[in-house]
Amino acid sequence: MPTVISPSVTPTPTVAVRAATPQDLPALRRLAALETAPVPTGDVLVGVVDGDVVAAVPVGGGRPVADPFRHTADIVSMLEIRAARLGRPAATDAHPRRPARLMRRPFGVRTRSAT
């Protein structure tokens, strides 16, 4: 009978992007120390993997910090994309040719009753 080798299954890590809170300050200090960089200040987004803060990016611009001993390049990219979107103008300014009334109406809501 042939031997069946099952592939090893590694659990997929849970990744979250969120705003930093005051409780994240020790983790931000740790990341900054690992990178020999200043601690990010102001509005900061953090990348969390399985409950551990592994990367941080200031929303207003600045140097990201990340754990150099973990694979964090994709997480830093996600944080930078989200930070750039948070720094953009309001949606009504993003599409100047589209009337503002269309921007504020929720999807699928009609302004006139159908008869």
PDB file of N, CA and C in Angstrom:
ATOM      1  N   MET A   1       0.847  -1.169   0.000  1.00  0.00           N
ATOM      2  CA  MET A   1       0.000   0.000   0.000  1.00  0.00           C
ATOM      3  C   MET A   1       0.894   1.233   0.000  1.00  0.00           C
ATOM      4  N   PRO A   2       0.606   2.226  -0.880  1.00  0.00           N
ATOM      5  CA  PRO A   2       1.443   3.421  -0.927  1.00  0.00           C
ATOM      6  C   PRO A   2       1.255   4.287   0.311  1.00  0.00           C
ATOM      7  N   THR A   3       2.310   4.954   0.659  1.00  0.00           N
ATOM      8  CA  THR A   3       2.262   5.859   1.800  1.00  0.00           C
ATOM      9  C   THR A   3       1.680   7.196   1.342  1.00  0.00           C
ATOM     10  N   VAL A   4       0.702   7.667   2.052  1.00  0.00           N
ATOM     11  CA  VAL A   4       0.068   8.949   1.731  1.00  0.00           C
ATOM     12  C   VAL A   4       0.663   9.999   2.651  1.00  0.00           C
ATOM     13  N   ILE A   5       1.210  10.998   2.017  1.00  0.00           N
ATOM     14  CA  ILE A   5       1.796  12.094   2.787  1.00  0.00           C
ATOM     15  C   ILE A   5       0.848  13.275   2.683  1.00  0.00           C
ATOM     16  N   SER A   6       0.331  13.680   3.806  1.00  0.00           N
ATOM     17  CA  SER A   6      -0.578  14.827   3.792  1.00  0.00           C
ATOM     18  C   SER A   6       0.228  16.116   3.859  1.00  0.00           C
ATOM     19  N   PRO A   7      -0.175  17.090   3.077  1.00  0.00           N
ATOM     20  CA  PRO A   7       0.545  18.359   3.133  1.00  0.00           C
ATOM     21  C   PRO A   7       0.366  19.008   4.501  1.00  0.00           C
ATOM     22  N   SER A   8       1.395  19.668   4.930  1.00  0.00           N
ATOM     23  CA  SER A   8       1.285  20.344   6.222  1.00  0.00           C
ATOM     24  C   SER A   8       0.379  21.557   6.061  1.00  0.00           C
ATOM     25  N   VAL A   9      -0.496  21.697   6.973  1.00  0.00           N
ATOM     26  CA  VAL A   9      -1.443  22.803   6.942  1.00  0.00           C
ATOM     27  C   VAL A   9      -0.996  23.834   7.961  1.00  0.00           C
ATOM     28  N   THR A  10      -0.687  25.005   7.464  1.00  0.00           N
ATOM     29  CA  THR A  10      -0.338  26.084   8.378  1.00  0.00           C
ATOM     30  C   THR A  10      -1.528  27.022   8.470  1.00  0.00           C
ATOM     31  N   PRO A  11      -1.900  27.403   9.654  1.00  0.00           N
ATOM     32  CA  PRO A  11      -3.055  28.293   9.796  1.00  0.00           C
ATOM     33  C   PRO A  11      -2.765  29.663   9.187  1.00  0.00           C
ATOM     34  N   THR A  12      -3.771  30.219   8.566  1.00  0.00           N
ATOM     35  CA  THR A  12      -3.645  31.545   7.986  1.00  0.00           C
ATOM     36  C   THR A  12      -3.735  32.572   9.112  1.00  0.00           C
ATOM     37  N   PRO A  13      -2.766  33.466   9.191  1.00  0.00           N
ATOM     38  CA  PRO A  13      -2.821  34.462  10.268  1.00  0.00           C
ATOM     39  C   PRO A  13      -3.952  35.458  10.052  1.00  0.00           C
ATOM     40  N   THR A  14      -4.464  35.977  11.127  1.00  0.00           N
ATOM     41  CA  THR A  14      -5.481  37.015  11.075  1.00  0.00           C
ATOM     42  C   THR A  14      -4.781  38.361  11.049  1.00  0.00           C
ATOM     43  N   VAL A  15      -5.071  39.156  10.013  1.00  0.00           N
ATOM     44  CA  VAL A  15      -4.445  40.464   9.854  1.00  0.00           C
ATOM     45  C   VAL A  15      -5.521  41.528   9.957  1.00  0.00           C
ATOM     46  N   ALA A  16      -5.248  42.571  10.736  1.00  0.00           N
ATOM     47  CA  ALA A  16      -6.182  43.682  10.882  1.00  0.00           C
ATOM     48  C   ALA A  16      -5.435  44.995  10.705  1.00  0.00           C
ATOM     49  N   VAL A  17      -6.132  45.967  10.132  1.00  0.00           N
ATOM     50  CA  VAL A  17      -5.624  47.336  10.021  1.00  0.00           C
ATOM     51  C   VAL A  17      -6.574  48.193  10.833  1.00  0.00           C
ATOM     52  N   ARG A  18      -6.017  48.967  11.754  1.00  0.00           N
ATOM     53  CA  ARG A  18      -6.862  49.810  12.605  1.00  0.00           C
ATOM     54  C   ARG A  18      -6.084  51.028  13.067  1.00  0.00           C
ATOM     55  N   ALA A  19      -6.821  51.964  13.638  1.00  0.00           N
ATOM     56  CA  ALA A  19      -6.188  53.151  14.208  1.00  0.00           C
ATOM     57  C   ALA A  19      -5.492  52.770  15.513  1.00  0.00           C
ATOM     58  N   ALA A  20      -4.341  53.361  15.726  1.00  0.00           N
ATOM     59  CA  ALA A  20      -3.611  53.111  16.965  1.00  0.00           C
ATOM     60  C   ALA A  20      -4.353  53.749  18.133  1.00  0.00           C
ATOM     61  N   THR A  21      -4.235  53.119  19.279  1.00  0.00           N
ATOM     62  CA  THR A  21      -4.827  53.639  20.506  1.00  0.00           C
ATOM     63  C   THR A  21      -3.698  53.896  21.503  1.00  0.00           C
ATOM     64  N   PRO A  22      -3.980  54.604  22.586  1.00  0.00           N
ATOM     65  CA  PRO A  22      -2.929  54.825  23.585  1.00  0.00           C
ATOM     66  C   PRO A  22      -2.331  53.516  24.123  1.00  0.00           C
ATOM     67  N   GLN A  23      -3.109  52.436  24.118  1.00  0.00           N
ATOM     68  CA  GLN A  23      -2.599  51.154  24.596  1.00  0.00           C
ATOM     69  C   GLN A  23      -1.545  50.568  23.654  1.00  0.00           C
ATOM     70  N   ASP A  24      -1.467  51.085  22.426  1.00  0.00           N
ATOM     71  CA  ASP A  24      -0.484  50.597  21.458  1.00  0.00           C
ATOM     72  C   ASP A  24       0.880  51.266  21.604  1.00  0.00           C
ATOM     73  N   LEU A  25       0.987  52.251  22.467  1.00  0.00           N
ATOM     74  CA  LEU A  25       2.251  52.984  22.601  1.00  0.00           C
ATOM     75  C   LEU A  25       3.447  52.084  22.917  1.00  0.00           C
ATOM     76  N   PRO A  26       3.336  51.125  23.843  1.00  0.00           N
ATOM     77  CA  PRO A  26       4.490  50.240  24.070  1.00  0.00           C
ATOM     78  C   PRO A  26       4.902  49.475  22.799  1.00  0.00           C
ATOM     79  N   ALA A  27       3.935  49.016  22.024  1.00  0.00           N
ATOM     80  CA  ALA A  27       4.252  48.291  20.783  1.00  0.00           C
ATOM     81  C   ALA A  27       4.892  49.228  19.768  1.00  0.00           C
ATOM     82  N   LEU A  28       4.408  50.471  19.683  1.00  0.00           N
ATOM     83  CA  LEU A  28       4.999  51.444  18.759  1.00  0.00           C
ATOM     84  C   LEU A  28       6.440  51.759  19.162  1.00  0.00           C
ATOM     85  N   ARG A  29       6.666  51.879  20.450  1.00  0.00           N
ATOM     86  CA  ARG A  29       8.035  52.126  20.931  1.00  0.00           C
ATOM     87  C   ARG A  29       8.955  50.950  20.608  1.00  0.00           C
ATOM     88  N   ARG A  30       8.431  49.735  20.771  1.00  0.00           N
ATOM     89  CA  ARG A  30       9.216  48.542  20.466  1.00  0.00           C
ATOM     90  C   ARG A  30       9.579  48.495  18.984  1.00  0.00           C
ATOM     91  N   LEU A  31       8.602  48.742  18.109  1.00  0.00           N
ATOM     92  CA  LEU A  31       8.875  48.734  16.668  1.00  0.00           C
ATOM     93  C   LEU A  31       9.889  49.816  16.293  1.00  0.00           C
ATOM     94  N   ALA A  32       9.726  51.000  16.866  1.00  0.00           N
ATOM     95  CA  ALA A  32      10.659  52.094  16.575  1.00  0.00           C
ATOM     96  C   ALA A  32      12.065  51.740  17.042  1.00  0.00           C
ATOM     97  N   ALA A  33      12.178  51.111  18.194  1.00  0.00           N
ATOM     98  CA  ALA A  33      13.498  50.713  18.699  1.00  0.00           C
ATOM     99  C   ALA A  33      14.129  49.654  17.795  1.00  0.00           C
ATOM    100  N   LEU A  34      13.324  48.705  17.316  1.00  0.00           N
ATOM    101  CA  LEU A  34      13.847  47.677  16.426  1.00  0.00           C
ATOM    102  C   LEU A  34      14.380  48.272  15.123  1.00  0.00           C
ATOM    103  N   GLU A  35      13.753  49.351  14.662  1.00  0.00           N
ATOM    104  CA  GLU A  35      14.142  49.985  13.408  1.00  0.00           C
ATOM    105  C   GLU A  35      15.101  51.157  13.621  1.00  0.00           C
ATOM    106  N   THR A  36      15.407  51.470  14.868  1.00  0.00           N
ATOM    107  CA  THR A  36      16.203  52.648  15.208  1.00  0.00           C
ATOM    108  C   THR A  36      15.610  53.873  14.511  1.00  0.00           C
ATOM    109  N   ALA A  37      14.324  54.075  14.753  1.00  0.00           N
ATOM    110  CA  ALA A  37      13.563  55.155  14.130  1.00  0.00           C
ATOM    111  C   ALA A  37      12.751  55.857  15.210  1.00  0.00           C
ATOM    112  N   PRO A  38      12.288  57.070  14.909  1.00  0.00           N
ATOM    113  CA  PRO A  38      11.422  57.742  15.891  1.00  0.00           C
ATOM    114  C   PRO A  38      10.064  57.042  15.987  1.00  0.00           C
ATOM    115  N   VAL A  39       9.447  57.162  17.144  1.00  0.00           N
ATOM    116  CA  VAL A  39       8.111  56.608  17.354  1.00  0.00           C
ATOM    117  C   VAL A  39       7.128  57.420  16.520  1.00  0.00           C
ATOM    118  N   PRO A  40       6.275  56.774  15.722  1.00  0.00           N
ATOM    119  CA  PRO A  40       5.291  57.526  14.935  1.00  0.00           C
ATOM    120  C   PRO A  40       4.363  58.316  15.853  1.00  0.00           C
ATOM    121  N   THR A  41       4.024  59.519  15.432  1.00  0.00           N
ATOM    122  CA  THR A  41       3.152  60.379  16.231  1.00  0.00           C
ATOM    123  C   THR A  41       1.956  60.820  15.404  1.00  0.00           C
ATOM    124  N   GLY A  42       1.009  61.459  16.064  1.00  0.00           N
ATOM    125  CA  GLY A  42      -0.208  61.911  15.392  1.00  0.00           C
ATOM    126  C   GLY A  42      -1.139  60.737  15.163  1.00  0.00           C
ATOM    127  N   ASP A  43      -1.953  60.845  14.110  1.00  0.00           N
ATOM    128  CA  ASP A  43      -2.830  59.737  13.755  1.00  0.00           C
ATOM    129  C   ASP A  43      -1.985  58.641  13.125  1.00  0.00           C
ATOM    130  N   VAL A  44      -2.067  57.448  13.676  1.00  0.00           N
ATOM    131  CA  VAL A  44      -1.235  56.327  13.232  1.00  0.00           C
ATOM    132  C   VAL A  44      -2.133  55.118  12.976  1.00  0.00           C
ATOM    133  N   LEU A  45      -1.868  54.435  11.875  1.00  0.00           N
ATOM    134  CA  LEU A  45      -2.526  53.160  11.602  1.00  0.00           C
ATOM    135  C   LEU A  45      -1.564  52.040  11.975  1.00  0.00           C
ATOM    136  N   VAL A  46      -2.109  50.969  12.525  1.00  0.00           N
ATOM    137  CA  VAL A  46      -1.268  49.836  12.884  1.00  0.00           C
ATOM    138  C   VAL A  46      -1.752  48.591  12.147  1.00  0.00           C
ATOM    139  N   GLY A  47      -0.808  47.726  11.838  1.00  0.00           N
ATOM    140  CA  GLY A  47      -1.109  46.415  11.288  1.00  0.00           C
ATOM    141  C   GLY A  47      -0.942  45.403  12.400  1.00  0.00           C
ATOM    142  N   VAL A  48      -1.977  44.614  12.624  1.00  0.00           N
ATOM    143  CA  VAL A  48      -1.991  43.658  13.724  1.00  0.00           C
ATOM    144  C   VAL A  48      -2.111  42.251  13.139  1.00  0.00           C
ATOM    145  N   VAL A  49      -1.191  41.379  13.513  1.00  0.00           N
ATOM    146  CA  VAL A  49      -1.221  39.982  13.077  1.00  0.00           C
ATOM    147  C   VAL A  49      -1.413  39.109  14.310  1.00  0.00           C
ATOM    148  N   ASP A  50      -2.523  38.389  14.306  1.00  0.00           N
ATOM    149  CA  ASP A  50      -2.851  37.503  15.434  1.00  0.00           C
ATOM    150  C   ASP A  50      -2.716  38.199  16.781  1.00  0.00           C
ATOM    151  N   GLY A  51      -3.147  39.459  16.845  1.00  0.00           N
ATOM    152  CA  GLY A  51      -3.137  40.208  18.096  1.00  0.00           C
ATOM    153  C   GLY A  51      -1.880  40.996  18.385  1.00  0.00           C
ATOM    154  N   ASP A  52      -0.829  40.838  17.576  1.00  0.00           N
ATOM    155  CA  ASP A  52       0.428  41.560  17.794  1.00  0.00           C
ATOM    156  C   ASP A  52       0.575  42.705  16.797  1.00  0.00           C
ATOM    157  N   VAL A  53       0.892  43.894  17.292  1.00  0.00           N
ATOM    158  CA  VAL A  53       1.167  45.025  16.411  1.00  0.00           C
ATOM    159  C   VAL A  53       2.529  44.784  15.766  1.00  0.00           C
ATOM    160  N   VAL A  54       2.540  44.667  14.428  1.00  0.00           N
ATOM    161  CA  VAL A  54       3.785  44.358  13.724  1.00  0.00           C
ATOM    162  C   VAL A  54       4.243  45.483  12.806  1.00  0.00           C
ATOM    163  N   ALA A  55       3.380  46.487  12.579  1.00  0.00           N
ATOM    164  CA  ALA A  55       3.753  47.601  11.710  1.00  0.00           C
ATOM    165  C   ALA A  55       2.885  48.803  12.042  1.00  0.00           C
ATOM    166  N   ALA A  56       3.420  49.988  11.736  1.00  0.00           N
ATOM    167  CA  ALA A  56       2.679  51.228  11.979  1.00  0.00           C
ATOM    168  C   ALA A  56       3.072  52.260  10.929  1.00  0.00           C
ATOM    169  N   VAL A  57       2.075  53.050  10.512  1.00  0.00           N
ATOM    170  CA  VAL A  57       2.296  54.096   9.513  1.00  0.00           C
ATOM    171  C   VAL A  57       1.563  55.355   9.976  1.00  0.00           C
ATOM    172  N   PRO A  58       2.264  56.499  10.030  1.00  0.00           N
ATOM    173  CA  PRO A  58       1.577  57.747  10.354  1.00  0.00           C
ATOM    174  C   PRO A  58       0.655  58.151   9.203  1.00  0.00           C
ATOM    175  N   VAL A  59      -0.568  58.563   9.503  1.00  0.00           N
ATOM    176  CA  VAL A  59      -1.542  58.926   8.472  1.00  0.00           C
ATOM    177  C   VAL A  59      -1.106  60.182   7.730  1.00  0.00           C
ATOM    178  N   GLY A  60      -0.563  61.150   8.411  1.00  0.00           N
ATOM    179  CA  GLY A  60      -0.177  62.410   7.780  1.00  0.00           C
ATOM    180  C   GLY A  60       1.134  62.340   7.020  1.00  0.00           C
ATOM    181  N   GLY A  61       1.700  61.173   6.908  1.00  0.00           N
ATOM    182  CA  GLY A  61       2.997  61.028   6.248  1.00  0.00           C
ATOM    183  C   GLY A  61       4.081  60.819   7.282  1.00  0.00           C
ATOM    184  N   GLY A  62       5.130  60.225   6.877  1.00  0.00           N
ATOM    185  CA  GLY A  62       6.222  59.938   7.786  1.00  0.00           C
ATOM    186  C   GLY A  62       6.713  58.523   7.574  1.00  0.00           C
ATOM    187  N   ARG A  63       7.723  58.178   8.304  1.00  0.00           N
ATOM    188  CA  ARG A  63       8.372  56.891   8.130  1.00  0.00           C
ATOM    189  C   ARG A  63       7.580  55.772   8.809  1.00  0.00           C
ATOM    190  N   PRO A  64       7.266  54.723   8.052  1.00  0.00           N
ATOM    191  CA  PRO A  64       6.633  53.573   8.701  1.00  0.00           C
ATOM    192  C   PRO A  64       7.651  52.822   9.547  1.00  0.00           C
ATOM    193  N   VAL A  65       7.164  52.120  10.547  1.00  0.00           N
ATOM    194  CA  VAL A  65       8.016  51.239  11.337  1.00  0.00           C
ATOM    195  C   VAL A  65       7.380  49.864  11.321  1.00  0.00           C
ATOM    196  N   ALA A  66       8.227  48.832  11.302  1.00  0.00           N
ATOM    197  CA  ALA A  66       7.720  47.467  11.256  1.00  0.00           C
ATOM    198  C   ALA A  66       8.732  46.537  11.903  1.00  0.00           C
ATOM    199  N   ASP A  67       8.260  45.399  12.312  1.00  0.00           N
ATOM    200  CA  ASP A  67       9.118  44.387  12.915  1.00  0.00           C
ATOM    201  C   ASP A  67      10.017  43.797  11.829  1.00  0.00           C
ATOM    202  N   PRO A  68      11.322  44.018  11.915  1.00  0.00           N
ATOM    203  CA  PRO A  68      12.216  43.533  10.862  1.00  0.00           C
ATOM    204  C   PRO A  68      12.412  42.019  10.880  1.00  0.00           C
ATOM    205  N   PHE A  69      11.907  41.345  11.898  1.00  0.00           N
ATOM    206  CA  PHE A  69      12.076  39.900  12.011  1.00  0.00           C
ATOM    207  C   PHE A  69      10.841  39.132  11.534  1.00  0.00           C
ATOM    208  N   ARG A  70       9.874  39.857  10.974  1.00  0.00           N
ATOM    209  CA  ARG A  70       8.652  39.233  10.453  1.00  0.00           C
ATOM    210  C   ARG A  70       8.421  39.718   9.037  1.00  0.00           C
ATOM    211  N   HIS A  71       7.640  38.980   8.284  1.00  0.00           N
ATOM    212  CA  HIS A  71       7.288  39.380   6.922  1.00  0.00           C
ATOM    213  C   HIS A  71       6.186  40.444   7.007  1.00  0.00           C
ATOM    214  N   THR A  72       6.576  41.705   6.854  1.00  0.00           N
ATOM    215  CA  THR A  72       5.631  42.800   7.047  1.00  0.00           C
ATOM    216  C   THR A  72       5.497  43.710   5.831  1.00  0.00           C
ATOM    217  N   ALA A  73       6.190  43.432   4.739  1.00  0.00           N
ATOM    218  CA  ALA A  73       6.155  44.342   3.583  1.00  0.00           C
ATOM    219  C   ALA A  73       4.731  44.524   3.065  1.00  0.00           C
ATOM    220  N   ASP A  74       3.960  43.440   2.952  1.00  0.00           N
ATOM    221  CA  ASP A  74       2.579  43.557   2.469  1.00  0.00           C
ATOM    222  C   ASP A  74       1.708  44.332   3.446  1.00  0.00           C
ATOM    223  N   ILE A  75       1.952  44.141   4.721  1.00  0.00           N
ATOM    224  CA  ILE A  75       1.162  44.851   5.733  1.00  0.00           C
ATOM    225  C   ILE A  75       1.473  46.335   5.685  1.00  0.00           C
ATOM    226  N   VAL A  76       2.745  46.690   5.550  1.00  0.00           N
ATOM    227  CA  VAL A  76       3.120  48.107   5.439  1.00  0.00           C
ATOM    228  C   VAL A  76       2.477  48.708   4.191  1.00  0.00           C
ATOM    229  N   SER A  77       2.455  47.976   3.094  1.00  0.00           N
ATOM    230  CA  SER A  77       1.807  48.468   1.871  1.00  0.00           C
ATOM    231  C   SER A  77       0.324  48.722   2.101  1.00  0.00           C
ATOM    232  N   MET A  78      -0.351  47.790   2.778  1.00  0.00           N
ATOM    233  CA  MET A  78      -1.774  47.993   3.086  1.00  0.00           C
ATOM    234  C   MET A  78      -1.972  49.227   3.949  1.00  0.00           C
ATOM    235  N   LEU A  79      -1.123  49.401   4.939  1.00  0.00           N
ATOM    236  CA  LEU A  79      -1.237  50.566   5.819  1.00  0.00           C
ATOM    237  C   LEU A  79      -1.015  51.858   5.050  1.00  0.00           C
ATOM    238  N   GLU A  80      -0.032  51.876   4.154  1.00  0.00           N
ATOM    239  CA  GLU A  80       0.248  53.086   3.382  1.00  0.00           C
ATOM    240  C   GLU A  80      -0.908  53.422   2.440  1.00  0.00           C
ATOM    241  N   ILE A  81      -1.509  52.411   1.832  1.00  0.00           N
ATOM    242  CA  ILE A  81      -2.664  52.649   0.955  1.00  0.00           C
ATOM    243  C   ILE A  81      -3.820  53.224   1.754  1.00  0.00           C
ATOM    244  N   ARG A  82      -4.094  52.635   2.902  1.00  0.00           N
ATOM    245  CA  ARG A  82      -5.200  53.118   3.737  1.00  0.00           C
ATOM    246  C   ARG A  82      -4.913  54.525   4.262  1.00  0.00           C
ATOM    247  N   ALA A  83      -3.681  54.781   4.666  1.00  0.00           N
ATOM    248  CA  ALA A  83      -3.316  56.115   5.159  1.00  0.00           C
ATOM    249  C   ALA A  83      -3.476  57.150   4.056  1.00  0.00           C
ATOM    250  N   ALA A  84      -3.101  56.804   2.826  1.00  0.00           N
ATOM    251  CA  ALA A  84      -3.256  57.742   1.709  1.00  0.00           C
ATOM    252  C   ALA A  84      -4.729  58.034   1.454  1.00  0.00           C
ATOM    253  N   ARG A  85      -5.560  57.029   1.563  1.00  0.00           N
ATOM    254  CA  ARG A  85      -7.001  57.239   1.356  1.00  0.00           C
ATOM    255  C   ARG A  85      -7.604  58.098   2.458  1.00  0.00           C
ATOM    256  N   LEU A  86      -7.129  57.930   3.667  1.00  0.00           N
ATOM    257  CA  LEU A  86      -7.636  58.755   4.764  1.00  0.00           C
ATOM    258  C   LEU A  86      -7.217  60.210   4.599  1.00  0.00           C
ATOM    259  N   GLY A  87      -6.101  60.436   3.937  1.00  0.00           N
ATOM    260  CA  GLY A  87      -5.607  61.790   3.742  1.00  0.00           C
ATOM    261  C   GLY A  87      -6.195  62.509   2.542  1.00  0.00           C
ATOM    262  N   ARG A  88      -7.015  61.805   1.740  1.00  0.00           N
ATOM    263  CA  ARG A  88      -7.628  62.419   0.552  1.00  0.00           C
ATOM    264  C   ARG A  88      -8.745  63.365   0.939  1.00  0.00           C
ATOM    265  N   PRO A  89      -9.115  64.276  -0.001  1.00  0.00           N
ATOM    266  CA  PRO A  89     -10.256  65.156   0.256  1.00  0.00           C
ATOM    267  C   PRO A  89     -11.560  64.361   0.344  1.00  0.00           C
ATOM    268  N   ALA A  90     -12.607  65.024   0.797  1.00  0.00           N
ATOM    269  CA  ALA A  90     -13.918  64.382   0.923  1.00  0.00           C
ATOM    270  C   ALA A  90     -14.402  63.881  -0.431  1.00  0.00           C
ATOM    271  N   ALA A  91     -15.330  62.934  -0.427  1.00  0.00           N
ATOM    272  CA  ALA A  91     -15.815  62.305  -1.652  1.00  0.00           C
ATOM    273  C   ALA A  91     -16.422  63.317  -2.615  1.00  0.00           C
ATOM    274  N   THR A  92     -17.064  64.372  -2.120  1.00  0.00           N
ATOM    275  CA  THR A  92     -17.675  65.357  -3.012  1.00  0.00           C
ATOM    276  C   THR A  92     -16.606  66.131  -3.768  1.00  0.00           C
ATOM    277  N   ASP A  93     -15.397  66.246  -3.226  1.00  0.00           N
ATOM    278  CA  ASP A  93     -14.300  66.916  -3.921  1.00  0.00           C
ATOM    279  C   ASP A  93     -13.579  65.986  -4.890  1.00  0.00           C
ATOM    280  N   ALA A  94     -13.692  64.682  -4.672  1.00  0.00           N
ATOM    281  CA  ALA A  94     -12.977  63.727  -5.504  1.00  0.00           C
ATOM    282  C   ALA A  94     -13.582  63.604  -6.895  1.00  0.00           C
ATOM    283  N   HIS A  95     -14.880  63.912  -7.042  1.00  0.00           N
ATOM    284  CA  HIS A  95     -15.563  63.826  -8.336  1.00  0.00           C
ATOM    285  C   HIS A  95     -16.254  65.154  -8.616  1.00  0.00           C
ATOM    286  N   PRO A  96     -15.511  66.183  -9.043  1.00  0.00           N
ATOM    287  CA  PRO A  96     -16.113  67.501  -9.188  1.00  0.00           C
ATOM    288  C   PRO A  96     -17.212  67.564 -10.235  1.00  0.00           C
ATOM    289  N   ARG A  97     -17.213  66.663 -11.234  1.00  0.00           N
ATOM    290  CA  ARG A  97     -18.250  66.712 -12.263  1.00  0.00           C
ATOM    291  C   ARG A  97     -19.530  66.014 -11.826  1.00  0.00           C
ATOM    292  N   ARG A  98     -19.475  65.217 -10.808  1.00  0.00           N
ATOM    293  CA  ARG A  98     -20.660  64.519 -10.338  1.00  0.00           C
ATOM    294  C   ARG A  98     -21.379  65.407  -9.322  1.00  0.00           C
ATOM    295  N   PRO A  99     -22.691  65.622  -9.494  1.00  0.00           N
ATOM    296  CA  PRO A  99     -23.418  66.475  -8.543  1.00  0.00           C
ATOM    297  C   PRO A  99     -23.329  65.937  -7.119  1.00  0.00           C
ATOM    298  N   ALA A 100     -23.202  66.845  -6.179  1.00  0.00           N
ATOM    299  CA  ALA A 100     -23.057  66.458  -4.777  1.00  0.00           C
ATOM    300  C   ALA A 100     -24.256  65.660  -4.290  1.00  0.00           C
ATOM    301  N   ARG A 101     -25.476  65.928  -4.823  1.00  0.00           N
ATOM    302  CA  ARG A 101     -26.662  65.200  -4.369  1.00  0.00           C
ATOM    303  C   ARG A 101     -26.551  63.705  -4.672  1.00  0.00           C
ATOM    304  N   LEU A 102     -25.837  63.353  -5.746  1.00  0.00           N
ATOM    305  CA  LEU A 102     -25.651  61.940  -6.064  1.00  0.00           C
ATOM    306  C   LEU A 102     -24.631  61.297  -5.136  1.00  0.00           C
ATOM    307  N   MET A 103     -23.694  62.073  -4.671  1.00  0.00           N
ATOM    308  CA  MET A 103     -22.669  61.527  -3.786  1.00  0.00           C
ATOM    309  C   MET A 103     -23.246  61.196  -2.403  1.00  0.00           C
ATOM    310  N   ARG A 104     -24.249  61.953  -1.972  1.00  0.00           N
ATOM    311  CA  ARG A 104     -24.771  61.760  -0.619  1.00  0.00           C
ATOM    312  C   ARG A 104     -25.859  60.696  -0.546  1.00  0.00           C
ATOM    313  N   ARG A 105     -26.467  60.352  -1.657  1.00  0.00           N
ATOM    314  CA  ARG A 105     -27.575  59.401  -1.641  1.00  0.00           C
ATOM    315  C   ARG A 105     -27.036  57.975  -1.507  1.00  0.00           C
ATOM    316  N   PRO A 106     -27.547  57.213  -0.548  1.00  0.00           N
ATOM    317  CA  PRO A 106     -27.106  55.829  -0.402  1.00  0.00           C
ATOM    318  C   PRO A 106     -27.457  55.019  -1.644  1.00  0.00           C
ATOM    319  N   PHE A 107     -26.666  54.026  -1.921  1.00  0.00           N
ATOM    320  CA  PHE A 107     -26.884  53.179  -3.080  1.00  0.00           C
ATOM    321  C   PHE A 107     -28.260  52.527  -3.013  1.00  0.00           C
ATOM    322  N   GLY A 108     -28.994  52.597  -4.125  1.00  0.00           N
ATOM    323  CA  GLY A 108     -30.276  51.948  -4.211  1.00  0.00           C
ATOM    324  C   GLY A 108     -31.444  52.760  -3.684  1.00  0.00           C
ATOM    325  N   VAL A 109     -31.220  53.943  -3.150  1.00  0.00           N
ATOM    326  CA  VAL A 109     -32.302  54.767  -2.627  1.00  0.00           C
ATOM    327  C   VAL A 109     -32.738  55.730  -3.711  1.00  0.00           C
ATOM    328  N   ARG A 110     -34.029  55.743  -3.996  1.00  0.00           N
ATOM    329  CA  ARG A 110     -34.565  56.623  -5.036  1.00  0.00           C
ATOM    330  C   ARG A 110     -35.036  57.936  -4.416  1.00  0.00           C
ATOM    331  N   THR A 111     -34.895  59.023  -5.180  1.00  0.00           N
ATOM    332  CA  THR A 111     -35.317  60.311  -4.660  1.00  0.00           C
ATOM    333  C   THR A 111     -36.764  60.598  -5.011  1.00  0.00           C
ATOM    334  N   ARG A 112     -37.287  59.972  -6.059  1.00  0.00           N
ATOM    335  CA  ARG A 112     -38.687  60.143  -6.439  1.00  0.00           C
ATOM    336  C   ARG A 112     -39.415  58.826  -6.272  1.00  0.00           C
ATOM    337  N   SER A 113     -40.675  58.898  -5.920  1.00  0.00           N
ATOM    338  CA  SER A 113     -41.424  57.659  -5.752  1.00  0.00           C
ATOM    339  C   SER A 113     -41.800  57.110  -7.121  1.00  0.00           C
ATOM    340  N   ALA A 114     -41.730  55.821  -7.253  1.00  0.00           N
ATOM    341  CA  ALA A 114     -42.085  55.167  -8.517  1.00  0.00           C
ATOM    342  C   ALA A 114     -43.600  54.902  -8.523  1.00  0.00           C
ATOM    343  N   THR A 115     -44.267  55.321  -9.582  1.00  0.00           N
ATOM    344  CA  THR A 115     -45.704  55.108  -9.661  1.00  0.00           C
ATOM    345  C   THR A 115     -46.077  54.311 -10.868  1.00  0.00           C
TER     346      THR A 115
END
